[in-house]
Amino acid sequence: MIKPDIKKLPEASQFREFLFPGIVIILIVITAVTVLKPKIDSLFEIRQGVAKQKKELGQLSQKSAVLEGYDQNELKNRTEKLLKVLPVEKDGPLIVATMRSLVSENNLELISLGVNVGELATESAEPTKKEETVPSLKIALDVAGELGDLYNFLSSVESITPIMRVDKVGISREGTSVESQVSLSNYFLAMPKEIGKVSRQIVPVNTEEEKVYQEVSNYQPPAMGTALPIVTSGKENPFAY
């Protein structure tokens, strides 16, 4: 049996007065790590968020000052003109009415007309491999008439609203008149999927963009009426045979 060293007991007892303060210090450190540190981190995150919001508010204020410097009526007029040239959505019936009017305006006979409006986009639809910035409707029509009138028709197609471009033309001649198969594209704007970033600066219109605007602002709708075609469905009186 080992006997305790009586001489060392007084030496160990002298540390008893530091035992309680040591335990208190250890508890304070543990509390600081487990409780206070997350609170301090959260305060720093809030402070950073407030600083970011102040910065964004300053950027928005600068943008607002720039926009207030523009003529509101001029902006409205320019936007309306551009949206007539390049609509924000596809409108099959309007294109049909426009093409009928344009063919008649150029003294041609419309044999057939088809507009491929595509499919309506849904949330469940499969995304396309490459989204088009400026999508288009495909138009195919057969017309007959004088060759000079056909040339005038093709020229006027690319100077009316909404904007169109001639993709392909096939001509078969029969005497003094011709029959032509024409493929066209009618363009429209795709709706943006997100708003521009706050940090993005407002870029003023440059010389090249102003030149394009002046060119397309001269585009006009066909001179003749463009009444939409009337589409009927079913009978007026469902009880009449």
C-alpha atoms as a PDB file:
ATOM      1  CA  MET A   1       0.000   0.000   0.000  1.00  0.00           C
ATOM      2  CA  ILE A   2       1.344   3.397  -1.127  1.00  0.00           C
ATOM      3  CA  LYS A   3       1.203   6.064   1.494  1.00  0.00           C
ATOM      4  CA  PRO A   4       0.571   9.679   0.443  1.00  0.00           C
ATOM      5  CA  ASP A   5       3.439  12.059   0.702  1.00  0.00           C
ATOM      6  CA  ILE A   6       2.342  14.334   3.526  1.00  0.00           C
ATOM      7  CA  LYS A   7       4.969  16.895   2.644  1.00  0.00           C
ATOM      8  CA  LYS A   8       3.435  17.583  -0.799  1.00  0.00           C
ATOM      9  CA  LEU A   9      -0.139  18.244   0.440  1.00  0.00           C
ATOM     10  CA  PRO A  10       0.524  21.802   1.584  1.00  0.00           C
ATOM     11  CA  GLU A  11       2.040  22.535  -1.844  1.00  0.00           C
ATOM     12  CA  ALA A  12      -1.146  21.301  -3.662  1.00  0.00           C
ATOM     13  CA  SER A  13      -3.486  23.181  -1.337  1.00  0.00           C
ATOM     14  CA  GLN A  14      -2.005  26.513  -2.343  1.00  0.00           C
ATOM     15  CA  PHE A  15      -3.577  26.161  -5.877  1.00  0.00           C
ATOM     16  CA  ARG A  16      -7.103  25.780  -4.498  1.00  0.00           C
ATOM     17  CA  GLU A  17      -7.669  29.531  -4.498  1.00  0.00           C
ATOM     18  CA  PHE A  18      -7.065  29.614  -8.295  1.00  0.00           C
ATOM     19  CA  LEU A  19      -9.343  26.669  -9.060  1.00  0.00           C
ATOM     20  CA  PHE A  20     -12.682  28.511  -9.052  1.00  0.00           C
ATOM     21  CA  PRO A  21     -11.480  31.508 -11.099  1.00  0.00           C
ATOM     22  CA  GLY A  22      -9.972  29.095 -13.631  1.00  0.00           C
ATOM     23  CA  ILE A  23     -13.251  27.239 -14.014  1.00  0.00           C
ATOM     24  CA  VAL A  24     -15.077  30.560 -14.488  1.00  0.00           C
ATOM     25  CA  ILE A  25     -12.611  31.643 -17.189  1.00  0.00           C
ATOM     26  CA  ILE A  26     -13.010  28.339 -19.017  1.00  0.00           C
ATOM     27  CA  LEU A  27     -16.825  28.669 -18.934  1.00  0.00           C
ATOM     28  CA  ILE A  28     -16.565  32.228 -20.269  1.00  0.00           C
ATOM     29  CA  VAL A  29     -14.390  31.072 -23.177  1.00  0.00           C
ATOM     30  CA  ILE A  30     -16.769  28.209 -24.023  1.00  0.00           C
ATOM     31  CA  THR A  31     -19.768  30.576 -23.889  1.00  0.00           C
ATOM     32  CA  ALA A  32     -17.994  33.095 -26.129  1.00  0.00           C
ATOM     33  CA  VAL A  33     -17.223  30.427 -28.730  1.00  0.00           C
ATOM     34  CA  THR A  34     -20.652  28.800 -28.747  1.00  0.00           C
ATOM     35  CA  VAL A  35     -22.955  31.806 -28.239  1.00  0.00           C
ATOM     36  CA  LEU A  36     -21.277  35.144 -28.789  1.00  0.00           C
ATOM     37  CA  LYS A  37     -19.261  34.292 -31.934  1.00  0.00           C
ATOM     38  CA  PRO A  38     -22.342  33.417 -34.088  1.00  0.00           C
ATOM     39  CA  LYS A  39     -23.996  36.639 -32.896  1.00  0.00           C
ATOM     40  CA  ILE A  40     -20.938  38.677 -33.822  1.00  0.00           C
ATOM     41  CA  ASP A  41     -20.710  36.982 -37.243  1.00  0.00           C
ATOM     42  CA  SER A  42     -24.385  37.751 -37.831  1.00  0.00           C
ATOM     43  CA  LEU A  43     -23.819  41.414 -36.972  1.00  0.00           C
ATOM     44  CA  PHE A  44     -20.921  41.589 -39.443  1.00  0.00           C
ATOM     45  CA  GLU A  45     -23.108  40.043 -42.193  1.00  0.00           C
ATOM     46  CA  ILE A  46     -25.878  42.568 -41.496  1.00  0.00           C
ATOM     47  CA  ARG A  47     -23.356  45.384 -41.620  1.00  0.00           C
ATOM     48  CA  GLN A  48     -22.014  44.154 -44.961  1.00  0.00           C
ATOM     49  CA  GLY A  49     -25.573  43.836 -46.316  1.00  0.00           C
ATOM     50  CA  VAL A  50     -26.391  47.401 -45.290  1.00  0.00           C
ATOM     51  CA  ALA A  51     -23.201  48.653 -46.949  1.00  0.00           C
ATOM     52  CA  LYS A  52     -24.105  46.790 -50.162  1.00  0.00           C
ATOM     53  CA  GLN A  53     -27.613  48.235 -50.162  1.00  0.00           C
ATOM     54  CA  LYS A  54     -26.230  51.737 -49.661  1.00  0.00           C
ATOM     55  CA  LYS A  55     -23.937  51.218 -52.635  1.00  0.00           C
ATOM     56  CA  GLU A  56     -26.801  49.950 -54.813  1.00  0.00           C
ATOM     57  CA  LEU A  57     -28.976  52.859 -53.713  1.00  0.00           C
ATOM     58  CA  GLY A  58     -26.243  55.261 -54.800  1.00  0.00           C
ATOM     59  CA  GLN A  59     -26.009  53.541 -58.200  1.00  0.00           C
ATOM     60  CA  LEU A  60     -29.785  53.675 -58.634  1.00  0.00           C
ATOM     61  CA  SER A  61     -29.777  57.360 -57.728  1.00  0.00           C
ATOM     62  CA  GLN A  62     -27.173  57.999 -60.424  1.00  0.00           C
ATOM     63  CA  LYS A  63     -29.269  56.086 -62.972  1.00  0.00           C
ATOM     64  CA  SER A  64     -32.367  57.996 -61.960  1.00  0.00           C
ATOM     65  CA  ALA A  65     -30.539  61.290 -62.470  1.00  0.00           C
ATOM     66  CA  VAL A  66     -29.424  60.181 -65.948  1.00  0.00           C
ATOM     67  CA  LEU A  67     -32.928  59.075 -66.943  1.00  0.00           C
ATOM     68  CA  GLU A  68     -34.453  62.315 -65.675  1.00  0.00           C
ATOM     69  CA  GLY A  69     -32.161  64.124 -68.088  1.00  0.00           C
ATOM     70  CA  TYR A  70     -33.891  62.507 -71.104  1.00  0.00           C
ATOM     71  CA  ASP A  71     -36.979  63.917 -72.777  1.00  0.00           C
ATOM     72  CA  GLN A  72     -39.815  61.620 -71.669  1.00  0.00           C
ATOM     73  CA  ASN A  73     -41.980  62.339 -74.734  1.00  0.00           C
ATOM     74  CA  GLU A  74     -39.114  61.572 -77.092  1.00  0.00           C
ATOM     75  CA  LEU A  75     -38.387  58.304 -75.293  1.00  0.00           C
ATOM     76  CA  LYS A  76     -42.055  57.327 -75.508  1.00  0.00           C
ATOM     77  CA  ASN A  77     -42.275  58.148 -79.224  1.00  0.00           C
ATOM     78  CA  ARG A  78     -39.079  56.256 -80.024  1.00  0.00           C
ATOM     79  CA  THR A  79     -40.209  53.224 -78.039  1.00  0.00           C
ATOM     80  CA  GLU A  80     -43.596  53.143 -79.782  1.00  0.00           C
ATOM     81  CA  LYS A  81     -41.958  53.376 -83.215  1.00  0.00           C
ATOM     82  CA  LEU A  82     -39.487  50.594 -82.456  1.00  0.00           C
ATOM     83  CA  LEU A  83     -42.184  48.317 -81.031  1.00  0.00           C
ATOM     84  CA  LYS A  84     -44.175  48.715 -84.260  1.00  0.00           C
ATOM     85  CA  VAL A  85     -41.133  47.674 -86.261  1.00  0.00           C
ATOM     86  CA  LEU A  86     -40.110  44.888 -83.872  1.00  0.00           C
ATOM     87  CA  PRO A  87     -43.088  43.777 -81.713  1.00  0.00           C
ATOM     88  CA  VAL A  88     -42.603  42.038 -78.377  1.00  0.00           C
ATOM     89  CA  GLU A  89     -44.827  39.115 -79.330  1.00  0.00           C
ATOM     90  CA  LYS A  90     -45.762  37.204 -82.456  1.00  0.00           C
ATOM     91  CA  ASP A  91     -49.114  38.020 -84.034  1.00  0.00           C
ATOM     92  CA  GLY A  92     -50.102  35.544 -86.762  1.00  0.00           C
ATOM     93  CA  PRO A  93     -53.453  37.149 -87.714  1.00  0.00           C
ATOM     94  CA  LEU A  94     -51.827  40.579 -88.079  1.00  0.00           C
ATOM     95  CA  ILE A  95     -49.151  39.133 -90.377  1.00  0.00           C
ATOM     96  CA  VAL A  96     -51.804  37.436 -92.520  1.00  0.00           C
ATOM     97  CA  ALA A  97     -53.752  40.695 -92.853  1.00  0.00           C
ATOM     98  CA  THR A  98     -50.548  42.637 -93.601  1.00  0.00           C
ATOM     99  CA  MET A  99     -49.453  40.235 -96.350  1.00  0.00           C
ATOM    100  CA  ARG A 100     -52.898  40.255 -97.963  1.00  0.00           C
ATOM    101  CA  SER A 101     -52.902  44.046 -98.005  1.00  0.00           C
ATOM    102  CA  LEU A 102     -49.342  44.225 -99.360  1.00  0.00           C
ATOM    103  CA  VAL A 103     -50.099  41.751-102.171  1.00  0.00           C
ATOM    104  CA  SER A 104     -53.209  43.717-103.145  1.00  0.00           C
ATOM    105  CA  GLU A 105     -51.325  47.025-102.940  1.00  0.00           C
ATOM    106  CA  ASN A 106     -48.814  45.767-105.533  1.00  0.00           C
ATOM    107  CA  ASN A 107     -51.490  44.465-107.945  1.00  0.00           C
ATOM    108  CA  LEU A 108     -50.637  40.811-107.418  1.00  0.00           C
ATOM    109  CA  GLU A 109     -52.928  37.826-107.035  1.00  0.00           C
ATOM    110  CA  LEU A 110     -52.581  35.839-103.831  1.00  0.00           C
ATOM    111  CA  ILE A 111     -52.755  32.110-104.564  1.00  0.00           C
ATOM    112  CA  SER A 112     -51.828  30.735-101.144  1.00  0.00           C
ATOM    113  CA  LEU A 113     -50.525  32.009 -97.840  1.00  0.00           C
ATOM    114  CA  GLY A 114     -49.200  30.148 -94.808  1.00  0.00           C
ATOM    115  CA  VAL A 115     -47.750  31.384 -91.531  1.00  0.00           C
ATOM    116  CA  ASN A 116     -45.850  29.057 -89.220  1.00  0.00           C
ATOM    117  CA  VAL A 117     -46.490  30.581 -85.790  1.00  0.00           C
ATOM    118  CA  GLY A 118     -44.673  27.777 -83.972  1.00  0.00           C
ATOM    119  CA  GLU A 119     -45.673  26.396 -80.566  1.00  0.00           C
ATOM    120  CA  LEU A 120     -46.710  28.222 -77.439  1.00  0.00           C
ATOM    121  CA  ALA A 121     -44.057  28.117 -74.748  1.00  0.00           C
ATOM    122  CA  THR A 122     -45.008  26.361 -71.517  1.00  0.00           C
ATOM    123  CA  GLU A 123     -43.173  25.611 -68.307  1.00  0.00           C
ATOM    124  CA  SER A 124     -43.180  21.924 -69.166  1.00  0.00           C
ATOM    125  CA  ALA A 125     -41.880  22.479 -72.686  1.00  0.00           C
ATOM    126  CA  GLU A 126     -38.362  21.319 -73.405  1.00  0.00           C
ATOM    127  CA  PRO A 127     -35.908  24.217 -73.633  1.00  0.00           C
ATOM    128  CA  THR A 128     -34.374  24.902 -77.030  1.00  0.00           C
ATOM    129  CA  LYS A 129     -30.707  24.167 -77.513  1.00  0.00           C
ATOM    130  CA  LYS A 130     -29.999  27.773 -78.466  1.00  0.00           C
ATOM    131  CA  GLU A 131     -32.439  30.534 -77.654  1.00  0.00           C
ATOM    132  CA  GLU A 132     -32.870  33.188 -80.322  1.00  0.00           C
ATOM    133  CA  THR A 133     -32.416  36.804 -79.318  1.00  0.00           C
ATOM    134  CA  VAL A 134     -34.703  37.874 -82.167  1.00  0.00           C
ATOM    135  CA  PRO A 135     -37.031  34.951 -83.007  1.00  0.00           C
ATOM    136  CA  SER A 136     -39.109  34.955 -86.173  1.00  0.00           C
ATOM    137  CA  LEU A 137     -42.256  33.664 -87.865  1.00  0.00           C
ATOM    138  CA  LYS A 138     -41.850  31.850 -91.156  1.00  0.00           C
ATOM    139  CA  ILE A 139     -44.188  32.923 -93.970  1.00  0.00           C
ATOM    140  CA  ALA A 140     -44.715  31.126 -97.271  1.00  0.00           C
ATOM    141  CA  LEU A 141     -46.905  32.541-100.044  1.00  0.00           C
ATOM    142  CA  ASP A 142     -47.579  32.006-103.743  1.00  0.00           C
ATOM    143  CA  VAL A 143     -48.432  35.051-105.843  1.00  0.00           C
ATOM    144  CA  ALA A 144     -49.060  35.700-109.527  1.00  0.00           C
ATOM    145  CA  GLY A 145     -48.830  38.869-111.594  1.00  0.00           C
ATOM    146  CA  GLU A 146     -46.511  41.039-113.626  1.00  0.00           C
ATOM    147  CA  LEU A 147     -42.773  40.731-113.027  1.00  0.00           C
ATOM    148  CA  GLY A 148     -42.404  44.445-112.275  1.00  0.00           C
ATOM    149  CA  ASP A 149     -45.169  44.239-109.664  1.00  0.00           C
ATOM    150  CA  LEU A 150     -43.406  41.268-108.086  1.00  0.00           C
ATOM    151  CA  TYR A 151     -40.185  43.271-107.800  1.00  0.00           C
ATOM    152  CA  ASN A 152     -42.105  46.129-106.182  1.00  0.00           C
ATOM    153  CA  PHE A 153     -43.707  43.674-103.771  1.00  0.00           C
ATOM    154  CA  LEU A 154     -40.361  42.195-102.718  1.00  0.00           C
ATOM    155  CA  SER A 155     -38.918  45.669-102.247  1.00  0.00           C
ATOM    156  CA  SER A 156     -41.851  46.875-100.147  1.00  0.00           C
ATOM    157  CA  VAL A 157     -41.752  43.733 -97.937  1.00  0.00           C
ATOM    158  CA  GLU A 158     -38.488  44.907 -96.421  1.00  0.00           C
ATOM    159  CA  SER A 159     -39.676  48.451 -95.722  1.00  0.00           C
ATOM    160  CA  ILE A 160     -42.934  47.895 -93.790  1.00  0.00           C
ATOM    161  CA  THR A 161     -43.890  47.233 -90.202  1.00  0.00           C
ATOM    162  CA  PRO A 162     -43.564  44.772 -88.595  1.00  0.00           C
ATOM    163  CA  ILE A 163     -40.084  44.098 -89.982  1.00  0.00           C
ATOM    164  CA  MET A 164     -39.727  41.286 -92.537  1.00  0.00           C
ATOM    165  CA  ARG A 165     -36.946  39.871 -94.656  1.00  0.00           C
ATOM    166  CA  VAL A 166     -37.088  37.891 -97.901  1.00  0.00           C
ATOM    167  CA  ASP A 167     -35.457  34.481 -97.435  1.00  0.00           C
ATOM    168  CA  LYS A 168     -36.092  32.785-100.762  1.00  0.00           C
ATOM    169  CA  VAL A 169     -37.850  33.517-104.077  1.00  0.00           C
ATOM    170  CA  GLY A 170     -38.786  31.066-106.809  1.00  0.00           C
ATOM    171  CA  ILE A 171     -40.201  32.286-110.148  1.00  0.00           C
ATOM    172  CA  SER A 172     -41.937  30.422-112.963  1.00  0.00           C
ATOM    173  CA  ARG A 173     -42.835  32.467-116.068  1.00  0.00           C
ATOM    174  CA  GLU A 174     -45.975  31.981-118.136  1.00  0.00           C
ATOM    175  CA  GLY A 175     -46.173  34.521-120.926  1.00  0.00           C
ATOM    176  CA  THR A 176     -46.184  38.109-119.667  1.00  0.00           C
ATOM    177  CA  SER A 177     -47.045  37.112-116.108  1.00  0.00           C
ATOM    178  CA  VAL A 178     -45.128  35.158-113.507  1.00  0.00           C
ATOM    179  CA  GLU A 179     -45.964  32.921-110.583  1.00  0.00           C
ATOM    180  CA  SER A 180     -43.667  33.168-107.574  1.00  0.00           C
ATOM    181  CA  GLN A 181     -43.112  31.183-104.407  1.00  0.00           C
ATOM    182  CA  VAL A 182     -41.802  33.513-101.702  1.00  0.00           C
ATOM    183  CA  SER A 183     -40.438  32.614 -98.263  1.00  0.00           C
ATOM    184  CA  LEU A 184     -40.299  35.389 -95.659  1.00  0.00           C
ATOM    185  CA  SER A 185     -39.302  35.850 -92.024  1.00  0.00           C
ATOM    186  CA  ASN A 186     -41.164  38.187 -89.690  1.00  0.00           C
ATOM    187  CA  TYR A 187     -39.158  39.122 -86.604  1.00  0.00           C
ATOM    188  CA  PHE A 188     -40.204  40.005 -83.062  1.00  0.00           C
ATOM    189  CA  LEU A 189     -38.482  40.559 -79.739  1.00  0.00           C
ATOM    190  CA  ALA A 190     -38.104  37.876 -77.116  1.00  0.00           C
ATOM    191  CA  MET A 191     -39.221  38.999 -73.664  1.00  0.00           C
ATOM    192  CA  PRO A 192     -36.314  39.453 -71.217  1.00  0.00           C
ATOM    193  CA  LYS A 193     -36.089  36.821 -68.491  1.00  0.00           C
ATOM    194  CA  GLU A 194     -34.439  39.033 -65.915  1.00  0.00           C
ATOM    195  CA  ILE A 195     -33.980  42.693 -65.093  1.00  0.00           C
ATOM    196  CA  GLY A 196     -30.563  44.206 -65.674  1.00  0.00           C
ATOM    197  CA  LYS A 197     -28.160  44.332 -62.750  1.00  0.00           C
ATOM    198  CA  VAL A 198     -28.117  47.422 -60.552  1.00  0.00           C
ATOM    199  CA  SER A 199     -24.400  47.850 -61.170  1.00  0.00           C
ATOM    200  CA  ARG A 200     -24.888  47.985 -64.927  1.00  0.00           C
ATOM    201  CA  GLN A 201     -24.437  51.504 -66.222  1.00  0.00           C
ATOM    202  CA  ILE A 202     -26.833  53.252 -68.613  1.00  0.00           C
ATOM    203  CA  VAL A 203     -25.100  53.372 -71.982  1.00  0.00           C
ATOM    204  CA  PRO A 204     -26.129  56.315 -74.186  1.00  0.00           C
ATOM    205  CA  VAL A 205     -27.186  55.684 -77.777  1.00  0.00           C
ATOM    206  CA  ASN A 206     -24.155  55.700 -80.040  1.00  0.00           C
ATOM    207  CA  THR A 207     -23.909  56.966 -83.618  1.00  0.00           C
ATOM    208  CA  GLU A 208     -24.417  53.539 -85.204  1.00  0.00           C
ATOM    209  CA  GLU A 209     -27.549  52.841 -83.128  1.00  0.00           C
ATOM    210  CA  GLU A 210     -28.956  56.272 -83.967  1.00  0.00           C
ATOM    211  CA  LYS A 211     -28.389  55.540 -87.661  1.00  0.00           C
ATOM    212  CA  VAL A 212     -30.304  52.248 -87.345  1.00  0.00           C
ATOM    213  CA  TYR A 213     -33.154  53.993 -85.540  1.00  0.00           C
ATOM    214  CA  GLN A 214     -33.433  56.668 -88.230  1.00  0.00           C
ATOM    215  CA  GLU A 215     -33.579  53.929 -90.862  1.00  0.00           C
ATOM    216  CA  VAL A 216     -36.251  51.768 -89.229  1.00  0.00           C
ATOM    217  CA  SER A 217     -38.327  54.771 -88.104  1.00  0.00           C
ATOM    218  CA  ASN A 218     -39.140  55.340 -91.777  1.00  0.00           C
ATOM    219  CA  TYR A 219     -40.806  51.914 -92.008  1.00  0.00           C
ATOM    220  CA  GLN A 220     -44.545  52.259 -92.534  1.00  0.00           C
ATOM    221  CA  PRO A 221     -47.477  49.805 -92.501  1.00  0.00           C
ATOM    222  CA  PRO A 222     -49.081  48.939 -95.849  1.00  0.00           C
ATOM    223  CA  ALA A 223     -51.054  51.849 -97.297  1.00  0.00           C
ATOM    224  CA  MET A 224     -54.249  49.820 -97.551  1.00  0.00           C
ATOM    225  CA  GLY A 225     -56.267  48.595 -94.571  1.00  0.00           C
ATOM    226  CA  THR A 226     -54.971  45.658 -92.583  1.00  0.00           C
ATOM    227  CA  ALA A 227     -58.185  44.399 -91.048  1.00  0.00           C
ATOM    228  CA  LEU A 228     -57.699  41.144 -89.229  1.00  0.00           C
ATOM    229  CA  PRO A 229     -59.295  38.096 -90.853  1.00  0.00           C
ATOM    230  CA  ILE A 230     -62.565  36.970 -89.314  1.00  0.00           C
ATOM    231  CA  VAL A 231     -62.423  33.392 -88.113  1.00  0.00           C
ATOM    232  CA  THR A 232     -65.743  31.715 -87.410  1.00  0.00           C
ATOM    233  CA  SER A 233     -66.242  28.559 -85.411  1.00  0.00           C
ATOM    234  CA  GLY A 234     -69.374  26.435 -85.343  1.00  0.00           C
ATOM    235  CA  LYS A 235     -72.872  27.560 -86.342  1.00  0.00           C
ATOM    236  CA  GLU A 236     -74.610  30.758 -85.352  1.00  0.00           C
ATOM    237  CA  ASN A 237     -77.624  28.707 -84.255  1.00  0.00           C
ATOM    238  CA  PRO A 238     -76.560  25.331 -82.842  1.00  0.00           C
ATOM    239  CA  PHE A 239     -80.160  24.054 -83.122  1.00  0.00           C
ATOM    240  CA  ALA A 240     -80.421  24.733 -86.875  1.00  0.00           C
ATOM    241  CA  TYR A 241     -79.526  21.927 -89.296  1.00  0.00           C
END
